[in-house]
Amino acid sequence: VYTVDIAGNISTASTGTVTIDTTNPSAPTGLSLADSSNTGSNDDNITSQTSALTLSGTAEANATVELFNGATSLGTVTADNSGNFSKDVDLS
């Protein structure tokens, strides 16, 4: 790798190693509703009577998680360094 400045000067080349992670991450686990979203009569932490809710779970650290309602994407969220994520979604 080397750089070229606006005047055309070329830096000394340097080497490095690039590692590409080709392993698919595991599916997220522990998907649940935030307490404020758990308004269902079942009190089972997955039933809600509101269309605006917060979902959370655990995934591979720093992974991008895409949430779906059937085939409709509800958006993406990035897990933190510990793999935790939380996403506000609107189902209306």
C-alpha atoms as a PDB file:
ATOM      1  CA  VAL A   1       0.000   0.000   0.000  1.00  0.00           C
ATOM      2  CA  TYR A   2       1.216   3.474  -0.802  1.00  0.00           C
ATOM      3  CA  THR A   3      -0.214   6.968  -1.013  1.00  0.00           C
ATOM      4  CA  VAL A   4       0.050   9.664  -3.659  1.00  0.00           C
ATOM      5  CA  ASP A   5      -0.381  13.323  -2.725  1.00  0.00           C
ATOM      6  CA  ILE A   6      -1.840  16.049  -4.913  1.00  0.00           C
ATOM      7  CA  ALA A   7       1.628  16.892  -6.297  1.00  0.00           C
ATOM      8  CA  GLY A   8       2.146  13.288  -7.412  1.00  0.00           C
ATOM      9  CA  ASN A   9       4.667  12.375  -4.710  1.00  0.00           C
ATOM     10  CA  ILE A  10       4.518   8.680  -3.866  1.00  0.00           C
ATOM     11  CA  SER A  11       5.105   7.431  -0.343  1.00  0.00           C
ATOM     12  CA  THR A  12       7.191   4.422   0.556  1.00  0.00           C
ATOM     13  CA  ALA A  13       5.173   1.242   0.169  1.00  0.00           C
ATOM     14  CA  SER A  14       4.149  -0.618   3.283  1.00  0.00           C
ATOM     15  CA  THR A  15       2.676  -4.055   3.805  1.00  0.00           C
ATOM     16  CA  GLY A  16      -0.084  -5.297   6.020  1.00  0.00           C
ATOM     17  CA  THR A  17      -2.478  -8.139   6.544  1.00  0.00           C
ATOM     18  CA  VAL A  18      -6.185  -8.053   5.804  1.00  0.00           C
ATOM     19  CA  THR A  19      -8.412 -10.711   7.318  1.00  0.00           C
ATOM     20  CA  ILE A  20     -11.854 -11.223   5.802  1.00  0.00           C
ATOM     21  CA  ASP A  21     -14.444 -12.920   8.005  1.00  0.00           C
ATOM     22  CA  THR A  22     -16.337 -15.261   5.660  1.00  0.00           C
ATOM     23  CA  THR A  23     -18.303 -17.087   8.362  1.00  0.00           C
ATOM     24  CA  ASN A  24     -21.989 -16.195   8.579  1.00  0.00           C
ATOM     25  CA  PRO A  25     -23.031 -15.031  12.039  1.00  0.00           C
ATOM     26  CA  SER A  26     -25.491 -17.114  14.029  1.00  0.00           C
ATOM     27  CA  ALA A  27     -29.103 -15.975  14.177  1.00  0.00           C
ATOM     28  CA  PRO A  28     -29.847 -13.579  17.048  1.00  0.00           C
ATOM     29  CA  THR A  29     -31.090 -15.101  20.288  1.00  0.00           C
ATOM     30  CA  GLY A  30     -33.111 -13.920  23.259  1.00  0.00           C
ATOM     31  CA  LEU A  31     -35.441 -11.720  21.201  1.00  0.00           C
ATOM     32  CA  SER A  32     -37.823 -10.012  23.621  1.00  0.00           C
ATOM     33  CA  LEU A  33     -40.007  -6.971  24.167  1.00  0.00           C
ATOM     34  CA  ALA A  34     -38.948  -4.124  26.406  1.00  0.00           C
ATOM     35  CA  ASP A  35     -41.012  -3.992  29.616  1.00  0.00           C
ATOM     36  CA  SER A  36     -42.748  -0.832  28.374  1.00  0.00           C
ATOM     37  CA  SER A  37     -43.789  -2.692  25.186  1.00  0.00           C
ATOM     38  CA  ASN A  38     -45.025  -5.831  26.960  1.00  0.00           C
ATOM     39  CA  THR A  39     -48.683  -4.749  27.069  1.00  0.00           C
ATOM     40  CA  GLY A  40     -50.282  -8.058  26.118  1.00  0.00           C
ATOM     41  CA  SER A  41     -52.648  -9.962  28.358  1.00  0.00           C
ATOM     42  CA  ASN A  42     -50.410 -13.054  28.318  1.00  0.00           C
ATOM     43  CA  ASP A  43     -47.498 -11.414  30.199  1.00  0.00           C
ATOM     44  CA  ASP A  44     -45.220 -13.712  28.198  1.00  0.00           C
ATOM     45  CA  ASN A  45     -42.667 -11.084  27.084  1.00  0.00           C
ATOM     46  CA  ILE A  46     -43.596 -11.619  23.414  1.00  0.00           C
ATOM     47  CA  THR A  47     -47.217 -10.361  23.226  1.00  0.00           C
ATOM     48  CA  SER A  48     -47.965  -6.672  22.717  1.00  0.00           C
ATOM     49  CA  GLN A  49     -51.127  -4.639  22.130  1.00  0.00           C
ATOM     50  CA  THR A  50     -49.262  -1.580  20.869  1.00  0.00           C
ATOM     51  CA  SER A  51     -47.879  -0.870  17.405  1.00  0.00           C
ATOM     52  CA  ALA A  52     -44.796   1.059  18.591  1.00  0.00           C
ATOM     53  CA  LEU A  53     -42.498  -1.213  20.540  1.00  0.00           C
ATOM     54  CA  THR A  54     -38.890  -1.937  21.405  1.00  0.00           C
ATOM     55  CA  LEU A  55     -37.304  -5.289  20.566  1.00  0.00           C
ATOM     56  CA  SER A  56     -33.984  -6.424  22.013  1.00  0.00           C
ATOM     57  CA  GLY A  57     -31.769  -9.476  21.821  1.00  0.00           C
ATOM     58  CA  THR A  58     -28.253 -10.814  21.476  1.00  0.00           C
ATOM     59  CA  ALA A  59     -26.210 -11.391  18.320  1.00  0.00           C
ATOM     60  CA  GLU A  60     -22.568 -11.670  17.312  1.00  0.00           C
ATOM     61  CA  ALA A  61     -20.624  -8.646  18.592  1.00  0.00           C
ATOM     62  CA  ASN A  62     -20.841  -5.698  16.164  1.00  0.00           C
ATOM     63  CA  ALA A  63     -23.126  -7.642  13.782  1.00  0.00           C
ATOM     64  CA  THR A  64     -25.824  -5.886  11.784  1.00  0.00           C
ATOM     65  CA  VAL A  65     -29.223  -7.362  12.644  1.00  0.00           C
ATOM     66  CA  GLU A  66     -32.230  -6.927  10.353  1.00  0.00           C
ATOM     67  CA  LEU A  67     -35.645  -7.425  11.935  1.00  0.00           C
ATOM     68  CA  PHE A  68     -38.680  -8.552   9.911  1.00  0.00           C
ATOM     69  CA  ASN A  69     -42.446  -8.653  10.306  1.00  0.00           C
ATOM     70  CA  GLY A  70     -43.134 -11.506   7.902  1.00  0.00           C
ATOM     71  CA  ALA A  71     -41.402 -10.453   4.675  1.00  0.00           C
ATOM     72  CA  THR A  72     -41.387  -6.739   5.591  1.00  0.00           C
ATOM     73  CA  SER A  73     -38.139  -5.332   6.973  1.00  0.00           C
ATOM     74  CA  LEU A  74     -38.538  -3.341  10.182  1.00  0.00           C
ATOM     75  CA  GLY A  75     -35.023  -1.950   9.813  1.00  0.00           C
ATOM     76  CA  THR A  76     -31.527  -2.766  10.938  1.00  0.00           C
ATOM     77  CA  VAL A  77     -29.602  -2.278  14.147  1.00  0.00           C
ATOM     78  CA  THR A  78     -25.948  -2.915  15.018  1.00  0.00           C
ATOM     79  CA  ALA A  79     -25.145  -5.055  18.041  1.00  0.00           C
ATOM     80  CA  ASP A  80     -22.699  -3.538  20.514  1.00  0.00           C
ATOM     81  CA  ASN A  81     -19.289  -4.977  21.471  1.00  0.00           C
ATOM     82  CA  SER A  82     -21.040  -7.464  23.785  1.00  0.00           C
ATOM     83  CA  GLY A  83     -23.565  -8.486  21.128  1.00  0.00           C
ATOM     84  CA  ASN A  84     -26.570  -6.715  22.680  1.00  0.00           C
ATOM     85  CA  PHE A  85     -28.997  -4.796  20.488  1.00  0.00           C
ATOM     86  CA  SER A  86     -32.254  -2.888  20.898  1.00  0.00           C
ATOM     87  CA  LYS A  87     -34.483  -1.441  18.176  1.00  0.00           C
ATOM     88  CA  ASP A  88     -37.597   0.743  18.319  1.00  0.00           C
ATOM     89  CA  VAL A  89     -40.048  -0.423  15.643  1.00  0.00           C
ATOM     90  CA  ASP A  90     -43.412   0.842  14.430  1.00  0.00           C
ATOM     91  CA  LEU A  91     -45.857  -1.827  13.274  1.00  0.00           C
ATOM     92  CA  SER A  92     -48.672   0.567  12.319  1.00  0.00           C
END
